[in-house]
Amino acid sequence: MANKKVAVLVGSLRKGSISRKLALALIELAPENLDLQVVEIGALPLYNEDLETESPPEAWKAFRTAIRSVDALLFVTPEYNRSIPGALKNAIDVGSRPYGQSVWSGKAAAVASQSQGPISGVLANHHLRSTFVFLDIHPLQQPECYIGQSGKLFDDAGKLTKDDTKEFLKKFMGAFGKWVEQVAR
């Protein structure tokens, strides 16, 4: 059986962000049936329907092609102002247009949110999931992945240091691997 291709979308643009560290840890802990690759969102021009011509921005075309080519999606996001970062929302908008040609439709997905505080990005997680209804994205429901106090979980090299968190993330990714097999046939 061929591995399922998964696009990893990181909501924070900062190179050394905790969300990126978490995404890399999730990639490392993924089951063998998943082939995960980060798809960058930082260079996407803001969505503007006026640019939706016969020649939309090259970055939009490359992003849409990348997402269209995968079986599933893994969103890893911080919480900004009780919601998702603007760059992630922009990527969602770019992928959902032009109307009727969304690259998101029918894909399996999972969401991992984090914050340095105790709330663990729960509102960002749920705001993101609310977009999935319209986008026809099929999210893993259980286990949910909310990581609080995330700034204390990684060493200076960006490696996950907490064994209990590592074990939880491994179970989360195992469940996601099974979910992808169910949805992405």
Protein backbone atom coordinates (compact mmCIF):
# COMPACT_ATOMS: atom_id res chain seq x y z
CA MET A 1 0.00 0.00 0.00
CA ALA A 2 1.41 3.42 -0.98
CA ASN A 3 2.05 6.01 1.68
CA LYS A 4 -0.48 8.82 1.91
CA LYS A 5 0.87 12.29 1.17
CA VAL A 6 0.14 14.88 3.84
CA ALA A 7 0.64 18.64 3.56
CA VAL A 8 1.68 20.19 6.86
CA LEU A 9 0.54 23.80 7.18
CA VAL A 10 2.23 25.78 9.95
CA GLY A 11 0.28 28.83 11.09
CA SER A 12 3.28 30.75 12.43
CA LEU A 13 5.70 32.23 9.92
CA ARG A 14 8.67 32.67 12.27
CA LYS A 15 11.47 30.24 11.41
CA GLY A 16 12.03 29.26 15.05
CA SER A 17 8.37 29.26 16.06
CA ILE A 18 7.03 26.77 18.55
CA SER A 19 4.38 25.74 16.02
CA ARG A 20 7.13 24.85 13.54
CA LYS A 21 8.96 22.88 16.24
CA LEU A 22 5.71 21.08 17.04
CA ALA A 23 5.12 20.37 13.34
CA LEU A 24 8.60 18.87 12.98
CA ALA A 25 8.03 16.73 16.09
CA LEU A 26 4.72 15.50 14.64
CA ILE A 27 6.42 14.63 11.35
CA GLU A 28 9.07 12.67 13.27
CA LEU A 29 6.41 10.80 15.28
CA ALA A 30 4.17 10.01 12.31
CA PRO A 31 3.31 6.42 11.44
CA GLU A 32 5.00 4.84 8.44
CA ASN A 33 1.90 5.12 6.23
CA LEU A 34 2.17 8.92 6.12
CA ASP A 35 4.60 10.98 4.05
CA LEU A 36 4.47 14.49 5.55
CA GLN A 37 5.92 17.62 3.96
CA VAL A 38 5.63 21.21 5.16
CA VAL A 39 3.93 23.41 2.57
CA GLU A 40 5.02 26.98 3.22
CA ILE A 41 2.39 29.75 3.36
CA GLY A 42 4.49 32.84 4.10
CA ALA A 43 5.06 33.95 0.50
CA LEU A 44 1.39 33.84 -0.53
CA PRO A 45 0.13 37.27 -1.57
CA LEU A 46 -3.00 38.31 0.29
CA TYR A 47 -6.07 36.97 -1.42
CA ASN A 48 -7.62 39.60 -3.66
CA GLU A 49 -10.24 38.48 -6.16
CA ASP A 50 -9.02 41.14 -8.59
CA LEU A 51 -5.88 39.01 -9.03
CA GLU A 52 -7.96 35.93 -9.86
CA THR A 53 -7.43 36.24 -13.62
CA GLU A 54 -6.17 33.81 -16.26
CA SER A 55 -2.74 34.45 -14.72
CA PRO A 56 -3.10 34.51 -10.93
CA PRO A 57 0.06 35.02 -8.84
CA GLU A 58 2.60 32.22 -9.31
CA ALA A 59 2.72 31.63 -5.56
CA TRP A 60 -1.02 30.97 -5.56
CA LYS A 61 -0.70 28.51 -8.44
CA ALA A 62 2.19 26.64 -6.79
CA PHE A 63 0.33 26.47 -3.46
CA ARG A 64 -2.88 25.21 -5.06
CA THR A 65 -0.94 22.56 -6.99
CA ALA A 66 0.84 21.42 -3.82
CA ILE A 67 -2.39 21.07 -1.85
CA ARG A 68 -4.28 19.46 -4.72
CA SER A 69 -1.58 16.75 -4.93
CA VAL A 70 -1.91 15.51 -1.32
CA ASP A 71 -4.26 13.06 0.34
CA ALA A 72 -4.51 14.82 3.69
CA LEU A 73 -3.75 17.95 5.69
CA LEU A 74 -2.14 18.54 9.06
CA PHE A 75 -2.63 22.05 10.44
CA VAL A 76 -0.30 23.14 13.25
CA THR A 77 -1.14 26.54 14.63
CA PRO A 78 -0.64 28.96 17.46
CA GLU A 79 -3.49 31.05 18.76
CA TYR A 80 -3.43 34.74 17.84
CA ASN A 81 -6.02 36.94 19.54
CA ARG A 82 -8.26 33.93 20.26
CA SER A 83 -8.24 32.80 16.62
CA ILE A 84 -5.96 31.58 13.84
CA PRO A 85 -3.08 33.65 12.43
CA GLY A 86 -3.86 35.82 9.42
CA ALA A 87 -1.33 33.99 7.23
CA LEU A 88 -3.15 30.70 7.80
CA LYS A 89 -6.53 32.26 7.03
CA ASN A 90 -5.05 33.73 3.86
CA ALA A 91 -3.76 30.31 2.78
CA ILE A 92 -7.22 28.87 3.35
CA ASP A 93 -8.75 31.62 1.23
CA VAL A 94 -6.20 31.21 -1.58
CA GLY A 95 -6.86 27.46 -1.69
CA SER A 96 -10.62 27.85 -1.67
CA ARG A 97 -10.78 30.04 -4.77
CA PRO A 98 -11.80 30.53 -7.46
CA TYR A 99 -15.25 29.55 -6.28
CA GLY A 100 -16.05 25.97 -7.22
CA GLN A 101 -12.36 25.00 -7.58
CA SER A 102 -11.31 24.56 -3.95
CA VAL A 103 -8.22 22.43 -3.40
CA TRP A 104 -9.40 21.47 0.09
CA SER A 105 -12.54 19.48 -0.70
CA GLY A 106 -12.74 15.88 0.46
CA LYS A 107 -9.39 15.78 2.26
CA ALA A 108 -8.75 14.17 5.63
CA ALA A 109 -7.26 16.55 8.19
CA ALA A 110 -6.07 16.99 11.74
CA VAL A 111 -5.39 20.10 13.81
CA ALA A 112 -2.73 20.55 16.47
CA SER A 113 -2.80 23.85 18.31
CA GLN A 114 -0.41 25.23 20.88
CA SER A 115 0.15 28.23 23.07
CA GLN A 116 2.72 29.18 25.63
CA GLY A 117 -0.10 29.78 28.10
CA PRO A 118 -2.44 27.25 29.66
CA ILE A 119 -5.30 27.67 27.16
CA SER A 120 -3.37 25.63 24.56
CA GLY A 121 -4.77 27.27 21.45
CA VAL A 122 -8.19 25.70 21.89
CA LEU A 123 -10.01 28.66 20.30
CA ALA A 124 -7.70 28.74 17.29
CA ASN A 125 -8.21 25.00 16.93
CA HIS A 126 -11.99 25.34 16.92
CA HIS A 127 -12.05 28.44 14.69
CA LEU A 128 -9.98 26.54 12.16
CA ARG A 129 -12.26 23.51 12.38
CA SER A 130 -15.29 25.73 11.77
CA THR A 131 -13.91 26.61 8.32
CA PHE A 132 -13.71 22.89 7.51
CA VAL A 133 -17.49 22.60 7.27
CA PHE A 134 -17.68 24.97 4.31
CA LEU A 135 -14.42 23.70 2.80
CA ASP A 136 -15.55 20.04 2.93
CA ILE A 137 -12.45 19.03 4.91
CA HIS A 138 -12.89 15.92 7.07
CA PRO A 139 -11.12 16.42 10.41
CA LEU A 140 -10.01 13.78 12.87
CA GLN A 141 -12.35 14.23 15.83
CA GLN A 142 -10.50 12.25 18.51
CA PRO A 143 -8.02 12.59 19.97
CA GLU A 144 -7.96 16.36 19.93
CA CYS A 145 -4.54 17.98 20.12
CA TYR A 146 -4.18 21.06 22.31
CA ILE A 147 -0.70 21.74 23.67
CA GLY A 148 -0.42 24.26 26.52
CA GLN A 149 2.77 25.62 28.09
CA SER A 150 4.44 24.79 24.77
CA GLY A 151 7.46 27.02 25.36
CA LYS A 152 8.66 24.56 28.01
CA LEU A 153 8.54 21.47 25.77
CA PHE A 154 11.51 21.99 23.45
CA ASP A 155 15.25 22.29 23.99
CA ASP A 156 17.49 24.88 22.33
CA ALA A 157 17.86 22.63 19.26
CA GLY A 158 14.08 22.45 18.84
CA LYS A 159 13.74 18.85 20.02
CA LEU A 160 10.78 17.75 22.11
CA THR A 161 11.99 16.98 25.64
CA LYS A 162 8.86 15.82 27.49
CA ASP A 163 8.26 12.09 27.24
CA ASP A 164 4.57 12.27 28.18
CA THR A 165 3.94 14.88 25.47
CA LYS A 166 5.92 12.79 22.98
CA GLU A 167 3.79 9.74 23.82
CA PHE A 168 0.56 11.72 23.42
CA LEU A 169 1.69 13.16 20.07
CA LYS A 170 2.65 9.69 18.85
CA LYS A 171 -0.87 8.43 19.70
CA PHE A 172 -2.38 11.49 18.01
CA MET A 173 -0.39 10.83 14.84
CA GLY A 174 -1.25 7.12 14.96
CA ALA A 175 -4.95 7.98 15.08
CA PHE A 176 -4.43 10.48 12.25
CA GLY A 177 -2.70 7.80 10.16
CA LYS A 178 -5.71 5.52 10.58
CA TRP A 179 -8.10 8.39 9.80
CA VAL A 180 -6.24 9.24 6.59
CA GLU A 181 -6.48 5.60 5.47
CA GLN A 182 -10.25 5.71 6.04
CA VAL A 183 -10.94 9.00 4.31
CA ALA A 184 -8.29 9.12 1.54
CA ARG A 185 -9.17 6.05 -0.49
